[in-house]
Amino acid sequence: MQRRRVIGLLSLLPLAPLAGALGLAGCSREQPFQQLEGATMGTRYHIRFKPPVSSFDAAAMQAVVDARLEALNASLSTYRSDSLITAFNEAPVGQVMPIDADFENMLSLSRQVHQASSGAFDPTVGALVNLWGFGWPKPEQPLIRLPEPKAIEAARGRFDAVTQMAPGKLVKHAPVRLDFSAIAKGYGVDLIAGVVRAHGVQHFMTEIGGEVATQGSGPTGGPWRIGIEAPDPVVTGRVLARVHLTNGSLATSGNYRNFFEVEGQRFSHIIDPVSGYPVPQPPVSVSVIAPSVALADAWATAFMVLDEERGLAVAEENQLAVYWVYQDNTGHRTRQSSRMQPYLDAAKH
């Protein structure tokens, strides 16, 4: 899938040293937590879970996870020439194209956030992503001059140009290109969590590229403690804040390690679908807790686009827990919506 660098959430990688940093140490002697991991979407997934019985077949569960993620990539990966989304993007205007349930779910969830954010999140941004040099395949040469305004206007997305004619049938009425990179990893985490639940596991954490779903208790017996990383383009692993999650979904987006310079100007990789231009001064990272990881993922991108005051208002309107990190002359400053504060307060105890 189109890679969006997810920054700000401590990745849950090798268990030994990092588990202590995240408060995941102290596994139960009665039934130890286990970990599974594998490759997907240009990164790796991780599952930390407590087997329901001592004879639990973890390999069988992982085989189902791998098959489910492969099916998702076959549907939505812009890196694959044989995926459904590539076929849709290459199809001529007006041609009705087949899509699967994952594709339909992505459209539905994306439209929900698109409408609620007044267009700050838009999966029809694919042509703009390509125009600004962030698409796939990567351009052979970096961008050396700004795109022409006419080219930007022509590449701007139009969600209303994508219509589902019937279940499993999609058509575009303008030459738009879909790109679900800002929601697909979160959706993938939701899918993994669904597989884990279906295997009778009650206490687990699933993660892809920093997007996290949790259920039940962590290895210490309390909520899962998730560290939000301090934004730093050089040093990694320093915790800026911690949140406590029991049955929660969290995603983080950031831009401080992904930018470029053209004609003496510095641009982030965060593109405003409405203006067609990169956001001039986005937050350095945004973390969102939402009803699903897919929604948290999409909203994290939307809040990277929205300005500070509008973003806070939208978060409160939609009852979302959001944690922003901004860069100013004095260093980093943070802000959070009212629904985020309880998660931060709990992590202090």
Protein backbone atom coordinates (compact mmCIF):
# COMPACT_ATOMS: atom_id res chain seq x y z
CA MET A 1 0.00 0.00 0.00
CA GLN A 2 1.05 3.60 -0.37
CA ARG A 3 3.42 4.14 2.51
CA ARG A 4 2.56 6.90 4.89
CA ARG A 5 5.28 7.35 7.50
CA VAL A 6 3.53 7.02 10.84
CA ILE A 7 5.43 8.91 13.48
CA GLY A 8 4.99 9.51 17.18
CA LEU A 9 3.83 6.19 18.60
CA LEU A 10 6.51 3.96 20.04
CA SER A 11 6.67 0.87 17.87
CA LEU A 12 6.15 -2.35 19.78
CA LEU A 13 9.17 -4.22 18.49
CA PRO A 14 11.54 -6.66 20.31
CA LEU A 15 9.91 -7.47 23.59
CA ALA A 16 12.84 -7.61 25.95
CA PRO A 17 14.17 -4.01 26.14
CA LEU A 18 11.18 -2.19 24.74
CA ALA A 19 8.54 -3.94 26.78
CA GLY A 20 9.83 -2.34 29.94
CA ALA A 21 9.67 1.11 28.34
CA LEU A 22 6.05 0.57 27.46
CA GLY A 23 5.06 -0.99 30.74
CA LEU A 24 4.49 -4.40 29.16
CA ALA A 25 6.83 -6.39 31.35
CA GLY A 26 5.81 -8.72 34.15
CA CYS A 27 4.08 -11.50 32.24
CA SER A 28 1.75 -13.71 34.22
CA ARG A 29 3.40 -16.93 35.41
CA GLU A 30 0.07 -18.68 35.15
CA GLN A 31 -0.33 -18.08 31.42
CA PRO A 32 2.48 -16.01 29.85
CA PHE A 33 1.79 -13.52 27.12
CA GLN A 34 3.13 -14.42 23.70
CA GLN A 35 4.05 -12.42 20.61
CA LEU A 36 3.58 -13.01 16.90
CA GLU A 37 4.87 -10.83 14.09
CA GLY A 38 5.11 -10.76 10.32
CA ALA A 39 5.62 -8.54 7.29
CA THR A 40 2.81 -6.49 5.77
CA MET A 41 2.22 -3.14 4.05
CA GLY A 42 5.90 -2.24 3.85
CA THR A 43 6.37 -2.68 7.60
CA ARG A 44 5.59 -5.38 10.21
CA TYR A 45 2.62 -6.34 12.32
CA HIS A 46 2.86 -7.40 15.96
CA ILE A 47 0.40 -9.26 18.16
CA ARG A 48 0.91 -9.48 21.93
CA PHE A 49 -1.65 -11.79 23.51
CA LYS A 50 -2.52 -14.09 26.37
CA PRO A 51 -3.49 -17.54 25.06
CA PRO A 52 -6.89 -18.64 26.39
CA VAL A 53 -5.59 -22.17 27.04
CA SER A 54 -2.14 -23.73 27.39
CA SER A 55 -2.68 -25.82 24.24
CA PHE A 56 -3.56 -22.77 22.13
CA ASP A 57 -2.40 -23.08 18.49
CA ALA A 58 -0.76 -19.70 17.86
CA ALA A 59 0.60 -20.80 14.48
CA ALA A 60 -2.90 -21.55 13.22
CA MET A 61 -4.10 -18.10 14.31
CA GLN A 62 -1.16 -16.43 12.60
CA ALA A 63 -1.88 -18.31 9.38
CA VAL A 64 -5.38 -16.80 9.36
CA VAL A 65 -3.93 -13.34 10.08
CA ASP A 66 -1.46 -13.65 7.20
CA ALA A 67 -4.18 -14.80 4.80
CA ARG A 68 -6.46 -11.94 5.83
CA LEU A 69 -3.73 -9.34 5.34
CA GLU A 70 -2.81 -10.82 1.97
CA ALA A 71 -6.43 -10.48 0.86
CA LEU A 72 -6.43 -6.85 2.03
CA ASN A 73 -3.29 -6.07 0.05
CA ALA A 74 -4.74 -7.76 -3.03
CA SER A 75 -7.63 -5.33 -2.72
CA LEU A 76 -6.03 -2.05 -1.68
CA SER A 77 -2.30 -2.02 -2.38
CA THR A 78 -1.23 0.73 -4.77
CA TYR A 79 2.13 -1.07 -4.94
CA ARG A 80 0.56 -4.05 -6.70
CA SER A 81 -0.29 -3.98 -10.38
CA ASP A 82 -2.88 -6.73 -9.86
CA SER A 83 -4.79 -5.12 -6.97
CA LEU A 84 -8.40 -3.96 -7.21
CA ILE A 85 -7.45 -0.37 -6.42
CA THR A 86 -4.84 -0.30 -9.20
CA ALA A 87 -7.41 -1.64 -11.66
CA PHE A 88 -9.87 1.04 -10.55
CA ASN A 89 -7.29 3.82 -10.80
CA GLU A 90 -6.24 2.75 -14.29
CA ALA A 91 -9.78 2.21 -15.55
CA PRO A 92 -11.34 4.81 -17.87
CA VAL A 93 -13.96 7.22 -16.58
CA GLY A 94 -17.41 5.64 -16.63
CA GLN A 95 -16.30 2.01 -16.52
CA VAL A 96 -18.01 0.05 -13.77
CA MET A 97 -15.38 -1.83 -11.75
CA PRO A 98 -15.73 -4.75 -9.31
CA ILE A 99 -14.70 -4.19 -5.70
CA ASP A 100 -14.75 -6.40 -2.60
CA ALA A 101 -16.01 -5.93 0.96
CA ASP A 102 -12.72 -4.41 2.20
CA PHE A 103 -12.83 -1.85 -0.60
CA GLU A 104 -16.43 -0.99 0.26
CA ASN A 105 -15.55 -0.63 3.95
CA MET A 106 -12.68 1.71 3.10
CA LEU A 107 -14.98 3.87 1.02
CA SER A 108 -17.63 4.01 3.73
CA LEU A 109 -15.23 4.86 6.57
CA SER A 110 -13.34 7.35 4.41
CA ARG A 111 -16.54 9.11 3.40
CA GLN A 112 -17.55 9.36 7.05
CA VAL A 113 -14.32 11.17 8.02
CA HIS A 114 -14.28 13.17 4.76
CA GLN A 115 -17.68 14.65 5.51
CA ALA A 116 -17.05 15.24 9.22
CA SER A 117 -13.70 16.95 8.51
CA SER A 118 -15.03 19.15 5.68
CA GLY A 119 -12.74 17.45 3.19
CA ALA A 120 -9.52 17.45 5.24
CA PHE A 121 -9.43 13.67 4.72
CA ASP A 122 -9.92 12.55 1.14
CA PRO A 123 -8.88 9.20 -0.41
CA THR A 124 -9.25 10.67 -3.92
CA VAL A 125 -6.02 12.57 -3.26
CA GLY A 126 -4.01 9.97 -5.22
CA ALA A 127 -3.26 12.17 -8.22
CA LEU A 128 -2.08 14.98 -5.93
CA VAL A 129 0.16 12.55 -4.04
CA ASN A 130 1.75 11.58 -7.35
CA LEU A 131 2.06 15.18 -8.52
CA TRP A 132 3.97 16.17 -5.38
CA GLY A 133 6.30 13.18 -5.68
CA PHE A 134 4.93 10.96 -2.89
CA GLY A 135 3.20 8.37 -5.06
CA TRP A 136 4.24 4.95 -6.28
CA PRO A 137 6.39 4.26 -8.14
CA LYS A 138 8.64 6.95 -6.74
CA PRO A 139 9.85 9.46 -9.34
CA GLU A 140 13.39 8.89 -10.59
CA GLN A 141 14.30 12.51 -9.83
CA PRO A 142 13.20 14.59 -6.84
CA LEU A 143 10.88 17.51 -7.41
CA ILE A 144 12.98 20.48 -8.54
CA ARG A 145 10.20 23.01 -9.17
CA LEU A 146 6.72 23.57 -7.85
CA PRO A 147 3.85 22.09 -9.87
CA GLU A 148 1.92 24.54 -11.99
CA PRO A 149 -1.33 25.80 -10.43
CA LYS A 150 -3.29 24.38 -13.37
CA ALA A 151 -1.75 20.95 -12.78
CA ILE A 152 -2.61 21.14 -9.07
CA GLU A 153 -6.19 22.10 -9.82
CA ALA A 154 -6.53 19.26 -12.32
CA ALA A 155 -5.13 16.74 -9.83
CA ARG A 156 -7.34 17.74 -6.91
CA GLY A 157 -9.57 14.95 -5.66
CA ARG A 158 -13.32 14.74 -5.96
CA PHE A 159 -14.93 12.25 -3.63
CA ASP A 160 -18.31 12.99 -5.18
CA ALA A 161 -16.92 11.65 -8.48
CA VAL A 162 -16.79 8.11 -7.04
CA THR A 163 -20.14 6.30 -6.96
CA GLN A 164 -21.04 2.83 -5.80
CA MET A 165 -23.59 1.69 -8.38
CA ALA A 166 -24.52 -1.49 -6.50
CA PRO A 167 -22.90 -3.83 -3.95
CA GLY A 168 -19.49 -4.74 -5.34
CA LYS A 169 -19.69 -2.21 -8.22
CA LEU A 170 -17.87 1.13 -8.35
CA VAL A 171 -17.53 3.80 -11.03
CA LYS A 172 -15.72 7.12 -11.31
CA HIS A 173 -17.16 10.10 -13.17
CA ALA A 174 -13.85 11.99 -13.33
CA PRO A 175 -10.21 10.80 -13.67
CA VAL A 176 -9.62 10.52 -9.91
CA ARG A 177 -7.18 8.10 -8.28
CA LEU A 178 -7.97 6.47 -4.94
CA ASP A 179 -5.31 6.09 -2.27
CA PHE A 180 -6.28 4.57 1.10
CA SER A 181 -2.77 4.79 2.57
CA ALA A 182 -3.92 7.08 5.39
CA ILE A 183 -6.50 4.60 6.68
CA ALA A 184 -5.44 1.15 5.44
CA LYS A 185 -2.90 0.32 8.16
CA GLY A 186 -5.46 1.15 10.81
CA TYR A 187 -8.02 -1.00 9.03
CA GLY A 188 -5.47 -3.80 8.87
CA VAL A 189 -5.01 -3.61 12.64
CA ASP A 190 -8.79 -3.88 13.07
CA LEU A 191 -8.79 -6.97 10.86
CA ILE A 192 -6.03 -8.60 12.90
CA ALA A 193 -7.90 -7.81 16.11
CA GLY A 194 -11.00 -9.45 14.64
CA VAL A 195 -9.06 -12.63 13.87
CA VAL A 196 -7.57 -12.70 17.36
CA ARG A 197 -10.99 -12.28 18.98
CA ALA A 198 -12.43 -15.01 16.77
CA HIS A 199 -9.82 -17.38 18.21
CA GLY A 200 -11.10 -16.78 21.73
CA VAL A 201 -8.32 -14.46 22.89
CA GLN A 202 -9.58 -11.90 25.40
CA HIS A 203 -6.39 -10.01 26.30
CA PHE A 204 -4.27 -8.70 23.44
CA MET A 205 -2.68 -5.82 21.60
CA THR A 206 -2.30 -5.69 17.80
CA GLU A 207 -0.15 -3.20 15.91
CA ILE A 208 0.99 -2.24 12.40
CA GLY A 209 3.44 0.60 11.93
CA GLY A 210 2.47 2.27 15.19
CA GLU A 211 -1.32 1.91 14.85
CA VAL A 212 -2.68 -0.02 17.84
CA ALA A 213 -5.77 -1.94 18.96
CA THR A 214 -6.07 -3.25 22.52
CA GLN A 215 -8.49 -5.43 24.42
CA GLY A 216 -8.57 -6.58 28.02
CA SER A 217 -5.56 -6.35 30.29
CA GLY A 218 -1.88 -6.15 29.54
CA PRO A 219 0.81 -8.41 30.99
CA THR A 220 0.92 -6.45 34.26
CA GLY A 221 -2.79 -7.10 34.83
CA GLY A 222 -3.89 -3.52 34.22
CA PRO A 223 -4.56 -1.47 31.08
CA TRP A 224 -2.12 -1.48 28.20
CA ARG A 225 0.31 1.42 28.56
CA ILE A 226 1.19 3.01 25.22
CA GLY A 227 3.96 5.58 24.90
CA ILE A 228 3.66 8.54 22.53
CA GLU A 229 7.11 9.31 21.20
CA ALA A 230 8.68 12.75 21.50
CA PRO A 231 9.07 14.09 17.94
CA ASP A 232 12.75 14.14 17.05
CA PRO A 233 14.19 13.64 13.55
CA VAL A 234 17.37 12.10 15.01
CA VAL A 235 16.70 10.52 18.42
CA THR A 236 14.01 7.84 18.72
CA GLY A 237 12.41 6.15 21.68
CA ARG A 238 12.01 9.11 24.04
CA VAL A 239 8.52 9.07 25.55
CA LEU A 240 6.63 12.37 25.56
CA ALA A 241 3.39 11.04 27.07
CA ARG A 242 1.70 7.77 27.94
CA VAL A 243 -1.89 6.69 27.55
CA HIS A 244 -3.76 3.82 29.17
CA LEU A 245 -5.98 1.69 26.92
CA THR A 246 -8.16 -1.28 27.78
CA ASN A 247 -10.51 -1.70 24.83
CA GLY A 248 -9.12 1.08 22.69
CA SER A 249 -7.86 2.03 19.25
CA LEU A 250 -5.06 4.53 18.73
CA ALA A 251 -3.23 5.90 15.68
CA THR A 252 -0.54 8.53 15.19
CA SER A 253 0.47 10.59 12.17
CA GLY A 254 3.45 12.94 11.88
CA ASN A 255 5.58 14.92 9.47
CA TYR A 256 8.85 15.76 11.20
CA ARG A 257 10.85 13.05 9.43
CA ASN A 258 9.29 13.45 6.00
CA PHE A 259 9.69 16.76 4.16
CA PHE A 260 11.35 18.20 1.08
CA GLU A 261 12.61 21.53 -0.20
CA VAL A 262 11.79 23.09 -3.58
CA GLU A 263 12.76 26.58 -4.77
CA GLY A 264 14.02 27.45 -1.30
CA GLN A 265 10.77 26.46 0.41
CA ARG A 266 10.31 23.57 2.83
CA PHE A 267 7.20 21.43 2.39
CA SER A 268 5.75 18.66 4.51
CA HIS A 269 4.38 15.45 3.01
CA ILE A 270 0.94 16.36 4.41
CA ILE A 271 -1.19 17.49 1.47
CA ASP A 272 -4.36 19.51 1.95
CA PRO A 273 -6.94 17.91 -0.34
CA VAL A 274 -8.92 21.15 -0.48
CA SER A 275 -6.12 23.51 -1.54
CA GLY A 276 -4.05 20.90 -3.36
CA TYR A 277 -0.86 22.14 -1.67
CA PRO A 278 1.19 20.72 1.22
CA VAL A 279 0.10 22.08 4.59
CA PRO A 280 2.52 24.95 5.43
CA GLN A 281 2.78 24.45 9.19
CA PRO A 282 1.17 21.18 10.26
CA PRO A 283 1.53 19.71 13.74
CA VAL A 284 4.64 17.60 14.12
CA SER A 285 2.42 14.72 15.25
CA VAL A 286 -1.18 13.91 16.10
CA SER A 287 -2.42 10.90 18.09
CA VAL A 288 -6.09 9.93 18.04
CA ILE A 289 -8.17 7.46 20.06
CA ALA A 290 -11.34 6.48 18.21
CA PRO A 291 -13.92 3.64 18.05
CA SER A 292 -11.75 1.77 15.52
CA VAL A 293 -8.12 1.97 14.45
CA ALA A 294 -9.21 2.70 10.88
CA LEU A 295 -11.14 5.77 12.05
CA ALA A 296 -8.28 6.83 14.35
CA ASP A 297 -5.88 6.49 11.40
CA ALA A 298 -8.01 8.59 9.07
CA TRP A 299 -8.70 11.22 11.72
CA ALA A 300 -5.00 11.52 12.57
CA THR A 301 -4.38 12.51 8.95
CA ALA A 302 -7.31 14.94 8.94
CA PHE A 303 -6.00 16.67 12.05
CA MET A 304 -2.60 17.08 10.39
CA VAL A 305 -4.38 19.14 7.74
CA LEU A 306 -6.75 21.20 9.93
CA ASP A 307 -5.35 24.29 11.64
CA GLU A 308 -5.03 24.25 15.42
CA GLU A 309 -8.25 25.94 16.47
CA ARG A 310 -10.40 24.32 13.81
CA GLY A 311 -8.87 20.94 14.62
CA LEU A 312 -9.71 21.27 18.30
CA ALA A 313 -13.27 22.30 17.47
CA VAL A 314 -13.72 19.34 15.11
CA ALA A 315 -12.32 16.96 17.74
CA GLU A 316 -14.80 18.19 20.32
CA GLU A 317 -17.69 18.12 17.83
CA ASN A 318 -16.93 14.48 17.01
CA GLN A 319 -16.15 13.46 20.61
CA LEU A 320 -12.63 12.31 19.75
CA ALA A 321 -9.63 11.96 22.06
CA VAL A 322 -6.78 13.80 20.30
CA TYR A 323 -3.23 14.70 21.35
CA TRP A 324 -1.33 17.25 19.24
CA VAL A 325 2.38 18.07 19.30
CA TYR A 326 3.43 21.41 17.78
CA GLN A 327 6.84 22.93 17.11
CA ASP A 328 7.48 26.58 17.98
CA ASN A 329 10.45 28.78 18.81
CA THR A 330 10.69 27.42 22.35
CA GLY A 331 10.55 23.75 21.34
CA HIS A 332 7.64 21.36 21.49
CA ARG A 333 4.26 22.20 22.96
CA THR A 334 1.28 19.90 23.29
CA ARG A 335 -2.47 20.24 23.28
CA GLN A 336 -5.25 17.75 23.77
CA SER A 337 -9.00 17.54 23.43
CA SER A 338 -11.10 17.13 26.53
CA ARG A 339 -11.64 13.42 25.83
CA MET A 340 -7.91 12.70 25.71
CA GLN A 341 -7.14 14.01 29.19
CA PRO A 342 -8.60 11.02 31.10
CA TYR A 343 -6.33 8.62 29.17
CA LEU A 344 -3.31 10.74 30.07
CA ASP A 345 -4.35 11.13 33.72
CA ALA A 346 -4.78 7.37 34.08
CA ALA A 347 -1.27 6.79 32.78
CA LYS A 348 0.19 8.96 35.57
CA HIS A 349 -0.92 6.54 38.28
